[in-house]
Structure formats: C-alpha cells, structure tokens
Protein backbone atom coordinates (compact mmCIF):
# COMPACT_ATOMS: atom_id res chain seq x y z
CA MET A 1 9.29 17.00 2.42
CA SER A 2 8.52 15.69 5.87
CA ALA A 3 9.00 12.08 6.88
CA PRO A 4 6.05 9.80 6.12
CA SER A 5 3.84 8.80 9.01
CA PRO A 6 4.06 5.28 10.43
CA GLU A 7 0.44 4.82 9.29
CA TRP A 8 1.41 5.59 5.68
CA VAL A 9 4.39 3.22 5.84
CA SER A 10 2.13 0.48 7.18
CA ALA A 11 -0.48 1.17 4.48
CA LEU A 12 2.15 0.88 1.73
CA ARG A 13 3.36 -2.42 3.18
CA THR A 14 -0.22 -3.69 3.15
CA MET A 15 -0.60 -2.59 -0.48
CA ARG A 16 2.57 -4.46 -1.40
CA ARG A 17 1.34 -7.60 0.38
CA LEU A 18 -2.05 -7.38 -1.35
CA PHE A 19 -0.33 -6.89 -4.71
CA GLU A 20 1.90 -9.91 -4.17
CA HIS A 21 -0.97 -12.14 -3.02
CA GLU A 22 -3.67 -11.02 -5.41
CA PRO A 23 -6.52 -13.50 -5.90
CA THR A 24 -6.66 -15.40 -9.14
CA ASP A 25 -9.91 -17.26 -8.47
CA ARG A 26 -13.26 -16.75 -6.71
CA LYS A 27 -12.18 -18.86 -3.73
CA SER A 28 -9.32 -16.55 -2.75
CA LEU A 29 -11.23 -13.36 -3.57
CA GLU A 30 -13.20 -12.84 -0.35
CA PRO A 31 -10.31 -12.79 2.15
CA TRP A 32 -8.34 -10.48 -0.17
CA GLU A 33 -11.30 -8.12 -0.52
CA ASP A 34 -11.79 -8.10 3.27
CA GLU A 35 -8.20 -6.92 3.73
CA ALA A 36 -8.55 -4.39 0.89
CA ILE A 37 -11.69 -2.92 2.51
CA ALA A 38 -9.91 -2.63 5.86
CA LEU A 39 -7.02 -0.89 4.09
CA MET A 40 -9.40 1.55 2.35
CA ARG A 41 -10.83 2.52 5.75
CA ARG A 42 -7.29 3.13 7.06
CA LEU A 43 -6.38 5.16 3.97
CA ARG A 44 -9.45 7.36 4.36
CA SER A 45 -8.44 8.15 7.93
CA ILE A 46 -4.87 9.17 7.00
CA GLN A 47 -5.59 10.70 3.60
CA ALA A 48 -6.22 14.22 4.93
CA SER A 49 -2.58 15.18 4.42
CA PHE A 50 -2.21 13.99 0.83
CA ASP A 51 -4.13 13.17 -2.34
CA LEU A 52 -4.28 9.48 -3.11
CA GLU A 53 -4.40 8.71 -6.80
CA GLU A 54 -7.49 7.08 -8.28
CA ILE A 55 -5.47 4.05 -9.39
CA VAL A 56 -5.13 2.99 -5.76
CA TRP A 57 -8.88 3.06 -5.13
CA HIS A 58 -9.61 1.27 -8.42
CA TYR A 59 -7.02 -1.38 -7.71
CA LEU A 60 -8.44 -2.06 -4.25
CA ILE A 61 -12.06 -2.35 -5.43
CA ASP A 62 -11.60 -4.12 -8.79
CA ALA A 63 -10.25 -7.51 -7.68
CA ASP A 64 -13.40 -9.29 -8.80
CA ILE A 65 -13.01 -7.84 -12.31
CA ARG A 66 -9.33 -8.84 -12.43
CA VAL A 67 -10.27 -12.42 -11.53
CA LYS A 68 -12.67 -12.55 -14.49
CA ASP A 69 -10.67 -10.59 -17.08
CA ALA A 70 -6.98 -11.42 -17.60
CA ASP A 71 -6.35 -8.44 -19.92
CA TYR A 72 -7.83 -6.01 -17.41
CA ARG A 73 -5.86 -7.71 -14.65
CA GLN A 74 -2.57 -7.27 -16.49
CA ALA A 75 -3.23 -3.63 -17.43
CA GLN A 76 -4.36 -2.62 -13.96
CA ARG A 77 -1.51 -4.44 -12.24
CA GLU A 78 1.05 -2.69 -14.45
CA VAL A 79 -0.31 0.76 -13.64
CA PHE A 80 -0.71 0.02 -9.92
CA GLU A 81 2.73 -1.54 -9.62
CA SER A 82 4.30 1.52 -11.24
CA TRP A 83 2.51 3.76 -8.72
CA LEU A 84 3.48 1.46 -5.83
CA LEU A 85 7.14 1.40 -6.83
CA ASP A 86 7.18 5.21 -6.98
CA ALA A 87 5.58 5.41 -3.52
CA GLU A 88 8.09 2.91 -2.12
CA ARG A 89 11.00 4.85 -3.64
CA ALA A 90 9.68 8.01 -2.00
CA LEU A 91 9.76 6.17 1.34
CA GLU A 92 13.38 5.22 0.78
CA ALA A 93 14.21 8.86 0.07
CA HIS A 94 12.32 10.05 3.17
CA PRO A 95 12.26 7.24 5.74
CA ALA A 96 9.67 7.37 8.49
CA GLU A 97 10.69 8.73 11.82
CA PRO A 98 11.09 6.07 14.50
CA GLU A 99 8.24 5.80 16.96
CA ALA A 100 8.75 7.27 20.41
CA GLY A 101 10.70 4.94 22.65
CA SER A 102 12.30 3.06 19.77
CA ARG A 103 15.02 5.55 18.84
CA SER A 104 18.47 4.12 18.54
CA THR A 105 21.10 5.35 20.93
CA ASN A 106 24.25 4.64 19.07
CA ASN A 107 26.74 5.63 21.73
CA THR A 108 30.21 5.26 20.32
CA SER A 109 32.06 7.09 23.07
CA ARG A 110 34.38 5.06 25.27
C-alpha cells in the first residue's frame, strides 16, 4: 500500500475535529455544517483514488438529525467513530510522505 496523500491526512484530521466538536444544538449547527460541506468538497476532489464509505457521507450531512434525535446521534457516532479509528490506524501503519522541502536530514556522521 502506498503512503496516504497529504490531502487525505488533512481530511482525516478535519473529520476527527468535526467528530470531537459535533453540534448539540441548533446554534452550533451552522458553523459545523459549513465546515462539513467544505470537507465534502475536498473529499470529492481526492476521492478518485479510493472508495469512501457511505457512513462518512451520512455522518457529514446528518448533523441536523443528530441534534434532534439522541438515539440516532449515538448510533451514527458509534459507527462513524469505528470507521474513523480504522482510518487513523491505517495512517499510523502507512504514514504520509513528507512534503517536498520538509524532509529531515538526520546527519549522524561526525
């Protein structure tokens, strides 16, 4: 398996941040949804190289339902968190390649 792209790493970090700061009321819903929509646009542009599971799309578009329905919120969060943890573990197993110009030069010769 090849190293994940920096775009994918960034997208997963955004998903984690959205998950950790999920809205619980109507007041906090709009800014969260704005960020989720921006993330969906990014995901569509990088998705060509992989299939993104439906749970991701549902999670990103269903925030308004989760605000209204605590049972749905709990069930959807459990499924999405499981997917997110698996994706994060895959990153740990295959870290992204450093961007050009930021490679470490660990010169230990004396």
